[in-house]
Amino acid sequence: WTGGFFVKDDNNPFQNRAPATLTTMEPSVEAGVIIAPTTSTVSSVQEALAMIESMGDKRFLHAVIASDYQFLYEESKTTKTPAASEIDVGGIFSQKVPTDSISGKRSVVLTAAGNLASSKAFSLWPLETAMCSSADTKGCDNGIHYAWPELGGSIRPTTDEATQNMIVDGIDCGKMSLEDALEGDMQVLVQAPSYLMVPKYMESNLRKGLQGAFLI
């Protein structure tokens, strides 16, 4: 990964705890040149909450609240299988979601919900770009999409010849909601331009903050 913000808890007495991170996956473009994402620091969980409230994908936040605050957890640092590199991401999204027009690539993260999530995994929060998070940009395509197996469970790797029906949220309307995915035991692919990852030791305060925030 390149770029992103790093959220730290200044009141944390344990120095070996990893910070939360916000990673910007899509490059910025300035004068027609692709430049590397920058890295900044955020000093508290309160600032992370403010970032989620102002830039968090509204569909995802609605689903989190409707599911009684169930979270998605990032999978790349766990031993769960299959790994993201073994999944046909292009095949899952290509017919329904266009690629980034600049790079032609997808910014996709493998996550898990329910019993498939690791007990030590970071929760993942997809964030919109500043343009789409503005109040006067209703209808803006924020480029954030989610895909998961229609029957739940793990996403099958490309080496598995058996067919697996996938749901793409925002595209396959009426079949299964993102709330259902959060409440189930399944892997979920998240396509987003940037995302915040929050470690377990911050999760309790994060959940309390979200429950007290006016996000709807």
Protein backbone atom coordinates (compact mmCIF):
# COMPACT_ATOMS: atom_id res chain seq x y z
CA TRP A 1 0.00 0.00 0.00
CA THR A 2 1.09 3.59 -0.62
CA GLY A 3 -0.04 6.74 1.06
CA GLY A 4 -2.74 7.33 3.63
CA PHE A 5 -3.41 8.73 7.06
CA PHE A 6 -2.40 7.10 10.33
CA VAL A 7 -4.70 7.43 13.34
CA LYS A 8 -3.06 7.17 16.74
CA ASP A 9 -4.48 7.16 20.25
CA ASP A 10 -2.40 9.55 22.36
CA ASN A 11 -3.91 8.13 25.56
CA ASN A 12 -2.89 4.59 24.68
CA PRO A 13 -0.56 3.18 27.39
CA PHE A 14 0.55 0.28 25.20
CA GLN A 15 3.24 1.42 22.82
CA ASN A 16 3.18 -1.76 20.74
CA ARG A 17 -0.39 -1.27 19.57
CA ALA A 18 -0.62 -0.57 15.86
CA PRO A 19 -2.33 2.68 14.82
CA ALA A 20 -5.45 2.86 12.72
CA THR A 21 -4.66 3.70 9.10
CA LEU A 22 -6.44 5.46 6.30
CA THR A 23 -5.11 4.43 2.91
CA THR A 24 -5.68 6.34 -0.31
CA MET A 25 -5.68 3.79 -3.10
CA GLU A 26 -6.34 5.97 -6.13
CA PRO A 27 -3.62 8.40 -7.21
CA SER A 28 -4.34 12.11 -7.34
CA VAL A 29 -4.01 13.89 -10.66
CA GLU A 30 -2.48 17.33 -10.93
CA ALA A 31 -1.83 19.01 -14.27
CA GLY A 32 -2.35 15.67 -15.98
CA VAL A 33 0.35 13.91 -13.95
CA ILE A 34 -0.31 10.97 -11.62
CA ILE A 35 1.31 11.71 -8.26
CA ALA A 36 1.82 9.51 -5.19
CA PRO A 37 -0.75 9.76 -2.37
CA THR A 38 0.35 11.68 0.71
CA THR A 39 0.46 10.53 4.33
CA SER A 40 -0.94 12.49 7.27
CA THR A 41 -1.61 11.84 10.95
CA VAL A 42 -4.84 12.00 12.96
CA SER A 43 -4.49 12.28 16.70
CA SER A 44 -7.60 10.64 18.17
CA VAL A 45 -10.56 8.32 17.74
CA GLN A 46 -12.74 11.44 17.75
CA GLU A 47 -11.01 12.67 14.61
CA ALA A 48 -11.46 9.24 13.02
CA LEU A 49 -15.17 9.42 13.84
CA ALA A 50 -15.36 12.87 12.27
CA MET A 51 -13.72 11.48 9.13
CA ILE A 52 -16.21 8.60 8.97
CA GLU A 53 -19.13 10.97 9.49
CA SER A 54 -18.00 13.44 6.82
CA MET A 55 -16.47 11.10 4.22
CA GLY A 56 -17.84 7.64 4.99
CA ASP A 57 -19.84 5.92 2.25
CA LYS A 58 -23.46 6.67 3.18
CA ARG A 59 -24.74 3.30 1.98
CA PHE A 60 -22.22 1.55 4.18
CA LEU A 61 -23.04 3.69 7.23
CA HIS A 62 -26.76 3.01 6.76
CA ALA A 63 -26.02 -0.73 6.56
CA VAL A 64 -23.85 -0.63 9.71
CA ILE A 65 -26.62 1.10 11.67
CA ALA A 66 -29.36 -1.16 10.28
CA SER A 67 -27.33 -4.26 11.20
CA ASP A 68 -26.98 -3.07 14.82
CA TYR A 69 -23.40 -1.92 14.25
CA GLN A 70 -21.89 -4.99 12.64
CA PHE A 71 -18.54 -4.22 10.99
CA LEU A 72 -16.47 -5.46 8.06
CA TYR A 73 -12.90 -6.57 8.84
CA GLU A 74 -9.88 -6.34 6.56
CA GLU A 75 -8.50 -9.73 5.54
CA SER A 76 -5.00 -9.27 4.07
CA LYS A 77 -3.21 -9.69 7.41
CA THR A 78 -5.05 -12.90 8.37
CA THR A 79 -4.60 -16.54 7.41
CA LYS A 80 -8.13 -16.86 6.04
CA THR A 81 -8.43 -18.40 2.57
CA PRO A 82 -8.75 -17.65 -0.25
CA ALA A 83 -6.43 -14.67 -0.38
CA ALA A 84 -7.39 -11.61 -2.39
CA SER A 85 -4.77 -12.52 -5.02
CA GLU A 86 -6.57 -15.83 -5.62
CA ILE A 87 -9.93 -14.20 -6.39
CA ASP A 88 -11.04 -13.14 -9.87
CA VAL A 89 -11.82 -9.56 -8.87
CA GLY A 90 -12.03 -8.40 -12.48
CA GLY A 91 -14.47 -11.15 -13.38
CA ILE A 92 -16.71 -10.30 -10.43
CA PHE A 93 -16.89 -6.56 -11.07
CA SER A 94 -16.13 -6.15 -14.78
CA GLN A 95 -19.66 -6.61 -16.14
CA LYS A 96 -21.24 -4.22 -13.67
CA VAL A 97 -18.69 -1.70 -12.36
CA PRO A 98 -16.25 0.25 -14.57
CA THR A 99 -12.57 0.52 -13.67
CA ASP A 100 -10.87 3.76 -12.68
CA SER A 101 -10.69 5.84 -15.86
CA ILE A 102 -7.16 7.06 -15.13
CA SER A 103 -5.27 3.93 -14.17
CA GLY A 104 -7.59 1.27 -15.56
CA LYS A 105 -7.18 -0.60 -12.28
CA ARG A 106 -9.42 -1.38 -9.33
CA SER A 107 -8.81 -0.44 -5.72
CA VAL A 108 -10.29 -3.52 -4.03
CA VAL A 109 -9.84 -4.84 -0.49
CA LEU A 110 -10.92 -8.28 0.76
CA THR A 111 -12.93 -8.12 3.99
CA ALA A 112 -15.00 -10.51 6.09
CA ALA A 113 -18.10 -10.30 8.27
CA GLY A 114 -19.40 -12.42 11.13
CA ASN A 115 -17.62 -15.63 12.07
CA LEU A 116 -15.30 -15.45 9.03
CA ALA A 117 -13.59 -12.34 10.41
CA SER A 118 -10.39 -12.71 12.42
CA SER A 119 -10.60 -11.67 16.08
CA LYS A 120 -7.53 -9.47 15.57
CA ALA A 121 -8.48 -7.89 12.25
CA PHE A 122 -8.94 -4.15 11.72
CA SER A 123 -12.44 -2.91 10.89
CA LEU A 124 -12.61 -1.27 7.48
CA TRP A 125 -14.45 1.95 6.58
CA PRO A 126 -14.74 2.92 2.88
CA LEU A 127 -14.40 6.67 2.35
CA GLU A 128 -15.54 8.87 -0.48
CA THR A 129 -13.39 11.43 -2.24
CA ALA A 130 -13.71 15.02 -1.04
CA MET A 131 -15.69 15.86 -4.18
CA CYS A 132 -18.38 13.24 -3.58
CA SER A 133 -18.58 13.88 0.16
CA SER A 134 -19.55 17.52 -0.39
CA ALA A 135 -23.12 18.43 0.42
CA ASP A 136 -23.84 19.86 -3.05
CA THR A 137 -22.80 16.78 -5.06
CA LYS A 138 -25.90 14.59 -4.77
CA GLY A 139 -25.86 11.79 -7.32
CA CYS A 140 -22.07 11.78 -7.53
CA ASP A 141 -20.67 8.32 -8.35
CA ASN A 142 -18.29 7.78 -5.45
CA GLY A 143 -16.82 4.64 -7.03
CA ILE A 144 -17.54 2.53 -3.93
CA HIS A 145 -19.02 -0.94 -4.49
CA TYR A 146 -19.31 -4.19 -2.55
CA ALA A 147 -19.49 -7.79 -3.76
CA TRP A 148 -20.19 -10.98 -1.80
CA PRO A 149 -21.40 -14.56 -2.41
CA GLU A 150 -25.16 -14.81 -2.75
CA LEU A 151 -25.17 -17.86 -0.45
CA GLY A 152 -22.60 -16.45 1.99
CA GLY A 153 -19.30 -17.99 3.01
CA SER A 154 -15.93 -17.49 1.37
CA ILE A 155 -15.41 -16.18 -2.15
CA ARG A 156 -14.15 -19.05 -4.26
CA PRO A 157 -10.65 -18.76 -5.75
CA THR A 158 -10.01 -18.89 -9.47
CA THR A 159 -8.77 -22.48 -9.09
CA ASP A 160 -12.27 -23.59 -8.02
CA GLU A 161 -14.22 -24.59 -11.13
CA ALA A 162 -17.60 -24.54 -9.37
CA THR A 163 -19.80 -21.55 -10.19
CA GLN A 164 -20.65 -19.02 -7.50
CA ASN A 165 -23.29 -16.33 -7.82
CA MET A 166 -22.06 -12.97 -6.58
CA ILE A 167 -24.06 -9.94 -5.46
CA VAL A 168 -22.74 -6.48 -6.33
CA ASP A 169 -24.32 -3.90 -4.03
CA GLY A 170 -25.80 -0.89 -5.76
CA ILE A 171 -26.08 -2.90 -8.98
CA ASP A 172 -27.97 -6.10 -8.11
CA CYS A 173 -30.80 -4.26 -6.37
CA GLY A 174 -33.57 -6.29 -4.76
CA LYS A 175 -31.55 -9.49 -4.33
CA MET A 176 -29.68 -8.97 -1.08
CA SER A 177 -28.71 -5.84 0.82
CA LEU A 178 -25.38 -4.79 2.26
CA GLU A 179 -27.04 -5.01 5.67
CA ASP A 180 -27.64 -8.73 5.02
CA ALA A 181 -23.97 -9.18 4.18
CA LEU A 182 -22.88 -7.48 7.42
CA GLU A 183 -25.19 -9.73 9.44
CA GLY A 184 -23.96 -12.92 7.75
CA ASP A 185 -20.76 -14.99 7.77
CA MET A 186 -19.09 -14.14 4.49
CA GLN A 187 -16.23 -12.50 2.67
CA VAL A 188 -16.93 -9.15 1.03
CA LEU A 189 -14.90 -7.39 -1.66
CA VAL A 190 -14.82 -3.61 -1.19
CA GLN A 191 -13.93 -1.30 -4.07
CA ALA A 192 -13.15 2.20 -2.77
CA PRO A 193 -10.79 5.10 -3.54
CA SER A 194 -9.72 5.25 0.12
CA TYR A 195 -10.53 3.58 3.40
CA LEU A 196 -9.93 3.82 7.12
CA MET A 197 -8.85 0.76 9.11
CA VAL A 198 -9.37 0.80 12.88
CA PRO A 199 -7.69 -1.74 15.22
CA LYS A 200 -9.62 -3.80 17.75
CA TYR A 201 -8.50 -1.84 20.81
CA MET A 202 -10.18 1.27 19.36
CA GLU A 203 -13.34 -0.56 18.33
CA SER A 204 -15.34 -0.13 21.54
CA ASN A 205 -14.90 3.65 21.57
CA LEU A 206 -15.51 3.79 17.85
CA ARG A 207 -18.81 1.89 18.18
CA LYS A 208 -19.94 4.10 21.08
CA GLY A 209 -19.12 7.19 19.07
CA LEU A 210 -21.04 5.94 16.06
CA GLN A 211 -24.06 5.09 18.20
CA GLY A 212 -24.08 8.61 19.58
CA ALA A 213 -23.54 10.33 16.23
CA PHE A 214 -26.27 11.60 13.94
CA LEU A 215 -25.29 9.79 10.75
CA ILE A 216 -28.64 9.17 9.03
